[in-house]
Protein backbone atom coordinates (compact mmCIF):
# COMPACT_ATOMS: atom_id res chain seq x y z
CA ARG A 1 149.24 170.80 81.64
CA ALA A 2 148.51 173.00 84.66
CA ALA A 3 144.90 174.09 85.04
CA ARG A 4 144.19 177.80 84.68
CA ALA A 5 143.43 179.45 88.02
CA ALA A 6 139.84 180.56 88.49
CA ALA A 7 139.22 184.31 88.29
CA THR A 8 138.48 186.21 91.47
CA GLU A 9 134.74 186.38 92.07
CA LEU A 10 132.59 189.50 92.21
CA ARG A 11 129.26 188.57 93.78
CA ALA A 12 125.94 190.40 93.52
CA GLU A 13 123.97 189.61 96.67
CA GLN A 14 121.65 190.99 99.31
CA ALA A 15 123.38 192.65 102.26
CA LEU A 16 122.82 195.07 105.13
CA ALA A 17 124.45 198.51 105.08
CA GLN A 18 124.61 201.14 107.82
CA ILE A 19 123.81 204.09 105.56
CA LEU A 20 122.29 206.16 108.38
CA PRO A 21 124.00 206.97 111.69
CA ASP A 22 124.53 204.02 114.01
CA GLU A 23 121.45 204.71 116.14
CA TYR A 24 119.23 203.89 113.13
CA PRO A 25 118.52 200.42 111.72
CA ALA A 26 120.67 199.04 108.92
CA THR A 27 119.24 199.14 105.39
CA GLU A 28 118.85 196.10 103.16
CA VAL A 29 120.66 196.67 99.88
CA TRP A 30 121.85 194.77 96.84
CA ALA A 31 125.62 194.92 96.84
CA TYR A 32 128.79 193.59 95.30
CA ASP A 33 130.64 191.35 97.77
CA GLY A 34 128.31 192.58 100.51
CA GLN A 35 129.75 196.13 100.43
CA LEU A 36 128.11 199.51 99.76
CA PRO A 37 129.47 200.80 97.49
CA GLY A 38 131.11 197.74 95.97
CA PRO A 39 134.80 197.10 96.68
CA VAL A 40 137.40 199.34 95.07
CA LEU A 41 138.71 197.26 92.15
CA ARG A 42 142.24 198.44 91.41
CA SER A 43 144.67 197.51 88.65
CA THR A 44 147.61 199.08 86.83
CA GLN A 45 147.45 200.58 83.37
CA GLY A 46 148.33 198.00 80.74
CA SER A 47 147.40 195.03 82.93
CA ARG A 48 144.79 192.34 82.32
CA PHE A 49 141.61 192.57 84.41
CA GLU A 50 139.61 189.43 85.21
CA ARG A 51 136.58 188.87 87.41
CA ARG A 52 134.02 186.09 87.54
CA PHE A 53 130.64 187.70 88.16
CA VAL A 54 128.40 185.48 90.29
CA ASN A 55 124.73 186.40 90.53
CA ARG A 56 123.27 185.53 93.95
CA LEU A 57 120.20 187.71 93.47
CA GLY A 58 116.71 186.47 92.70
CA GLU A 59 116.68 188.12 89.25
CA PRO A 60 119.04 188.41 86.25
CA SER A 61 121.89 190.92 86.31
CA SER A 62 125.13 191.89 84.54
CA VAL A 63 128.10 194.22 85.13
CA HIS A 64 128.96 197.22 82.96
CA TRP A 65 132.50 198.62 83.21
CA HIS A 66 131.72 202.29 82.74
CA GLY A 67 134.11 204.42 80.68
CA ILE A 68 136.76 201.78 79.95
CA ARG A 69 137.72 201.15 76.31
CA ILE A 70 137.22 197.40 76.16
CA ASP A 71 136.00 194.67 73.82
CA ASN A 72 132.29 194.99 73.10
CA ALA A 73 131.65 191.45 74.34
CA MET A 74 132.89 192.47 77.80
CA ASP A 75 130.84 195.68 78.08
CA GLY A 76 128.14 194.05 80.22
CA VAL A 77 124.98 195.55 78.69
CA SER A 78 122.48 192.71 78.89
CA GLY A 79 120.31 192.29 75.85
CA LEU A 80 122.90 194.04 73.68
CA THR A 81 126.44 192.75 74.29
CA GLN A 82 125.57 189.70 76.39
CA ASP A 83 122.69 187.73 77.81
CA PRO A 84 121.79 188.66 81.38
CA VAL A 85 123.28 186.35 83.99
CA PRO A 86 120.43 184.36 85.58
CA PRO A 87 120.08 183.81 89.33
CA GLY A 88 122.76 181.34 90.42
CA GLY A 89 124.70 181.85 87.17
CA SER A 90 128.07 183.40 86.43
CA PHE A 91 129.94 185.22 83.66
CA ASP A 92 133.69 185.66 83.20
CA TYR A 93 134.76 189.22 82.40
CA ALA A 94 138.32 189.60 81.07
CA PHE A 95 139.81 192.60 79.28
CA ASP A 96 142.94 194.71 78.98
CA LEU A 97 143.18 198.12 80.66
CA PRO A 98 144.69 200.58 78.16
CA ASP A 99 143.73 203.74 80.06
CA ALA A 100 144.66 204.98 83.51
CA GLY A 101 141.96 206.87 85.38
CA THR A 102 138.87 206.78 87.58
CA TYR A 103 136.06 204.58 86.31
CA TRP A 104 133.23 202.62 87.90
CA TYR A 105 131.23 199.45 87.48
CA HIS A 106 127.51 198.93 87.94
CA ALA A 107 124.57 196.70 87.09
CA HIS A 108 123.25 197.01 83.56
CA THR A 109 120.10 194.90 83.81
CA SER A 110 117.08 196.84 85.15
CA SER A 111 119.76 199.34 86.09
CA MET A 112 117.38 202.05 87.32
CA GLU A 113 116.44 199.71 90.16
CA GLN A 114 119.55 197.59 90.61
CA VAL A 115 121.96 200.53 90.77
CA ALA A 116 119.62 202.43 93.10
CA ARG A 117 119.59 199.39 95.40
CA GLY A 118 123.38 199.52 95.61
CA LEU A 119 124.97 197.60 92.72
CA ALA A 120 127.82 199.98 91.90
CA GLY A 121 131.46 200.43 92.83
CA PRO A 122 134.68 202.21 91.76
CA LEU A 123 137.19 200.83 89.28
CA ILE A 124 140.61 202.50 89.53
CA VAL A 125 143.37 202.09 86.95
CA ASP A 126 146.63 203.47 88.32
CA GLU A 127 149.24 205.21 86.21
CA ALA A 128 152.63 203.52 85.91
CA GLU A 129 154.07 206.51 87.76
CA ALA A 130 151.73 207.93 90.39
CA PRO A 131 151.44 211.73 90.82
CA ASP A 132 153.14 213.37 93.78
CA VAL A 133 150.41 213.16 96.43
CA ASP A 134 150.33 212.04 100.04
CA ARG A 135 147.10 210.07 99.74
CA ASP A 136 144.67 208.77 97.14
CA GLU A 137 140.99 209.02 98.21
CA VAL A 138 138.05 207.47 96.33
CA TRP A 139 134.72 209.16 97.13
CA VAL A 140 131.57 207.62 95.64
CA LEU A 141 128.75 210.17 95.88
CA ASP A 142 125.23 208.77 95.95
CA ASP A 143 121.70 209.24 97.21
CA TRP A 144 119.05 206.80 98.39
CA LEU A 145 115.27 207.02 98.57
CA LEU A 146 114.45 205.58 101.99
CA ASP A 147 111.08 204.96 103.61
CA PRO A 148 111.10 207.38 106.60
CA GLU A 149 109.26 204.82 108.75
CA THR A 150 111.32 201.69 108.08
CA PHE A 151 114.58 203.25 106.81
CA GLN A 152 114.55 200.71 103.98
CA ILE A 153 114.92 201.50 100.29
CA ASP A 154 111.60 202.61 98.81
CA SER A 155 110.41 199.85 96.47
CA GLY A 156 108.36 202.10 94.17
CA PHE A 157 110.58 201.84 91.10
CA ASP A 158 107.67 202.01 88.63
CA ARG A 159 106.36 205.48 89.47
CA MET A 160 105.59 207.44 86.31
CA MET A 161 106.90 210.65 87.90
CA ASP A 162 110.38 209.14 88.21
CA LEU A 163 110.26 207.37 84.85
CA SER A 164 109.22 210.54 83.02
CA HIS A 165 111.84 212.69 84.77
CA GLY A 166 114.87 210.57 83.89
CA GLY A 167 115.21 208.71 87.19
CA ARG A 168 114.42 209.11 90.85
CA THR A 169 116.11 211.39 93.34
CA GLY A 170 116.82 210.16 96.84
CA ASN A 171 115.95 211.81 100.15
CA LEU A 172 119.30 210.92 101.77
CA VAL A 173 122.68 211.93 100.36
CA GLY A 174 125.98 210.37 101.31
CA THR A 175 129.48 209.31 100.36
CA ASN A 176 131.00 205.83 100.29
CA GLY A 177 127.74 204.32 101.50
CA ARG A 178 127.36 206.56 104.56
CA TYR A 179 125.50 209.70 105.56
CA GLY A 180 127.88 212.14 107.27
CA TYR A 181 131.05 210.63 105.83
CA GLY A 182 134.33 212.27 106.81
CA ILE A 183 138.09 211.81 106.99
CA GLU A 184 141.05 213.28 108.87
CA ALA A 185 143.91 215.13 107.15
CA ALA A 186 146.79 217.40 108.07
CA ARG A 187 147.26 220.98 106.99
CA ALA A 188 149.40 221.17 103.80
CA GLU A 189 148.71 217.52 103.04
CA ARG A 190 148.20 216.90 99.32
CA LEU A 191 145.35 214.53 98.37
CA ARG A 192 144.17 213.04 95.14
CA LEU A 193 140.38 212.96 95.25
CA ARG A 194 138.54 210.65 92.86
CA LEU A 195 134.86 211.68 92.78
CA VAL A 196 132.30 209.30 91.27
CA ASN A 197 128.59 210.16 90.94
CA ALA A 198 126.73 206.86 91.35
CA ALA A 199 123.33 208.50 91.94
CA ASN A 200 120.34 207.61 89.80
CA ALA A 201 119.40 211.14 88.77
CA ARG A 202 121.01 213.68 91.14
CA ILE A 203 123.35 216.28 89.67
CA PHE A 204 125.89 217.32 92.30
CA VAL A 205 127.02 220.94 92.34
CA LEU A 206 130.17 220.93 94.47
CA ARG A 207 132.51 223.43 96.08
CA LEU A 208 135.76 223.20 98.02
CA GLU A 209 136.16 224.79 101.44
CA GLY A 210 139.51 224.88 103.22
CA LEU A 211 141.01 223.10 100.22
CA THR A 212 142.94 224.49 97.25
CA GLY A 213 142.40 222.27 94.26
CA TRP A 214 143.08 221.51 90.63
CA ILE A 215 141.04 219.34 88.25
CA VAL A 216 143.46 216.88 86.63
CA ALA A 217 141.09 214.47 84.85
CA LEU A 218 137.46 214.22 83.73
CA ASP A 219 135.67 210.91 83.19
CA GLY A 220 138.97 209.08 83.51
CA MET A 221 140.84 211.10 80.88
CA PRO A 222 143.68 213.44 81.95
CA LEU A 223 143.44 217.12 81.09
CA PRO A 224 146.32 218.64 79.08
CA GLU A 225 147.03 220.89 82.08
CA PRO A 226 145.58 220.96 85.61
CA GLU A 227 142.77 223.50 85.91
CA PRO A 228 142.55 225.45 89.18
CA VAL A 229 139.20 225.10 90.93
CA THR A 230 137.88 228.65 91.14
CA ALA A 231 134.12 228.01 91.06
CA GLU A 232 131.55 225.27 91.54
CA MET A 233 132.07 221.88 89.94
CA ILE A 234 129.16 220.02 88.34
CA LEU A 235 129.10 216.22 88.54
CA ALA A 236 126.22 214.57 86.66
CA PRO A 237 125.20 210.93 87.15
CA ALA A 238 127.96 208.50 86.05
CA GLN A 239 130.54 211.28 85.69
CA ARG A 240 133.93 211.35 87.45
CA ILE A 241 136.27 214.15 88.43
CA ASP A 242 139.88 213.67 89.55
CA LEU A 243 141.20 216.44 91.76
CA ILE A 244 144.51 217.16 93.43
CA VAL A 245 143.92 219.30 96.51
CA ASP A 246 146.02 220.85 99.24
CA VAL A 247 144.53 221.14 102.72
CA THR A 248 144.69 224.83 103.64
CA ALA A 249 142.41 224.92 106.71
CA GLU A 250 144.17 225.41 110.04
CA PRO A 251 144.82 222.51 112.43
CA GLY A 252 141.85 222.07 114.74
CA GLY A 253 139.51 223.38 112.06
CA GLU A 254 137.64 221.74 109.21
CA ALA A 255 137.79 221.57 105.46
CA ALA A 256 135.00 220.14 103.35
CA LEU A 257 133.59 219.14 100.03
CA LEU A 258 130.30 221.03 99.94
CA ARG A 259 127.21 220.43 97.80
CA ASP A 260 124.54 222.88 96.71
CA ASP A 261 121.29 221.90 98.41
CA ARG A 262 119.33 224.20 96.07
CA GLY A 263 119.03 227.72 97.28
CA ASP A 264 121.47 229.63 99.41
CA GLU A 265 122.43 226.69 101.61
CA TRP A 266 125.41 224.41 101.12
CA GLY A 267 125.44 220.98 102.70
CA VAL A 268 128.54 219.07 103.75
CA GLN A 269 129.18 216.16 101.40
CA VAL A 270 132.50 215.12 102.98
CA ARG A 271 133.88 216.60 106.19
CA VAL A 272 137.66 216.83 106.60
CA ALA A 273 138.85 217.23 110.20
CA VAL A 274 142.25 218.96 110.09
CA LYS A 275 144.68 217.58 112.63
CA GLY A 276 148.33 218.54 112.70
CA GLU A 277 150.49 219.93 109.94
CA ALA A 278 152.17 217.97 107.16
CA ALA A 279 154.48 220.76 105.94
CA ARG A 280 155.26 224.40 106.59
CA ASN A 281 155.46 225.55 102.99
CA ALA A 282 152.93 225.16 100.19
CA ARG A 283 153.90 222.97 97.24
CA PRO A 284 153.93 224.24 93.65
CA ALA A 285 150.92 223.50 91.48
CA PRO A 286 150.73 219.87 90.33
CA THR A 287 151.89 218.82 86.89
CA ALA A 288 149.61 217.18 84.34
CA LEU A 289 148.90 213.46 84.50
CA PRO A 290 150.41 211.45 81.63
CA PRO A 291 148.02 211.26 78.66
CA ASN A 292 146.32 207.99 77.80
CA PRO A 293 147.31 206.41 74.46
CA HIS A 294 145.61 206.98 71.12
CA MET A 295 143.52 209.93 72.28
CA ASP A 296 144.11 212.14 69.22
CA VAL A 297 141.00 212.49 67.05
CA PRO A 298 141.97 213.40 63.46
CA GLY A 299 140.02 215.99 61.50
CA VAL A 300 138.49 217.85 64.45
CA ALA A 301 139.68 221.25 63.25
CA GLU A 302 137.99 220.76 59.88
CA ALA A 303 134.79 219.19 61.18
CA ARG A 304 131.47 220.98 60.68
CA ARG A 305 130.09 222.32 63.95
CA LEU A 306 126.40 221.93 64.76
CA GLU A 307 124.45 223.44 67.66
CA LEU A 308 121.84 221.31 69.44
CA GLN A 309 119.37 223.25 71.56
CA MET A 310 117.52 221.23 74.17
CA GLU A 311 114.63 222.79 76.08
CA GLY A 312 113.19 221.51 79.33
CA GLY A 313 109.82 220.16 80.29
CA ALA A 314 108.98 216.55 81.05
CA MET A 315 105.31 216.97 80.15
CA GLY A 316 104.65 215.80 76.60
CA GLY A 317 102.02 218.45 75.90
CA MET A 318 104.24 221.38 76.80
CA HIS A 319 105.45 223.49 73.89
CA SER A 320 108.93 223.63 75.43
CA ALA A 321 109.29 219.84 75.56
CA ARG A 322 111.19 219.55 72.30
CA TYR A 323 114.66 219.18 70.84
């Protein structure tokens, strides 16, 4: 009987990444397959996904497949659904992919540190019939807390300030593992943008400039109808937004995905240099993505509605620090 082929490996290991511009030193990170973010893992809806996770780090780790409806034993939460994979060990992940959409994978052992060091990447499940777009772009938004003297990741992961405030916020923001990330596109080109927030604690408030867009899916699940982007979009840690956008900026100009840098200033998250023209006439608005199966929740209309008020304050003695 023929032996079963070994699953493709996904390795957690130390690597160097050029997060900053090229004139700065590279930064030591923990990465999947030596890439920051990890490689885009792509499969088709309804297919079987298999990866052999190999831990080449000096401490235990595991992989969580965020947002996918899978068997509990494959969910990757060490200490709950599996034992952590020790240094030098491996674990075979194998599960079916019932849902199309934008998902991501990340470490789920000491995740506050391991994800902040770079152990995260996008997982894309394509629809059987792709939407009518010219290009599919995956943008992983992230931040890193770097030592301004060495340009290495700050090792202070046990600071009470960060622990009591739900995670630490970086001092450098980027996309796809780079500060100042950008692409080229043509005017009237239609793009599908898959936005993933892999940051530890940063909430991205985003705006389109020189782009006309529609939200077509949230957290991997298609919306019943595309929603035009008329205001800012909020992307909290671990969340995903799928957009279909048309480039409307003139050739020779720029479009951009902007982020709110707190205050009246907007920073450039992704710069889009507009070169040439893809079409003379604008396309009609996109149609909805096909729904994923078994999404109906019975009894919602009759369910009792409760309101949960949450008030801020990370200091335990503050009167407002309550639910």
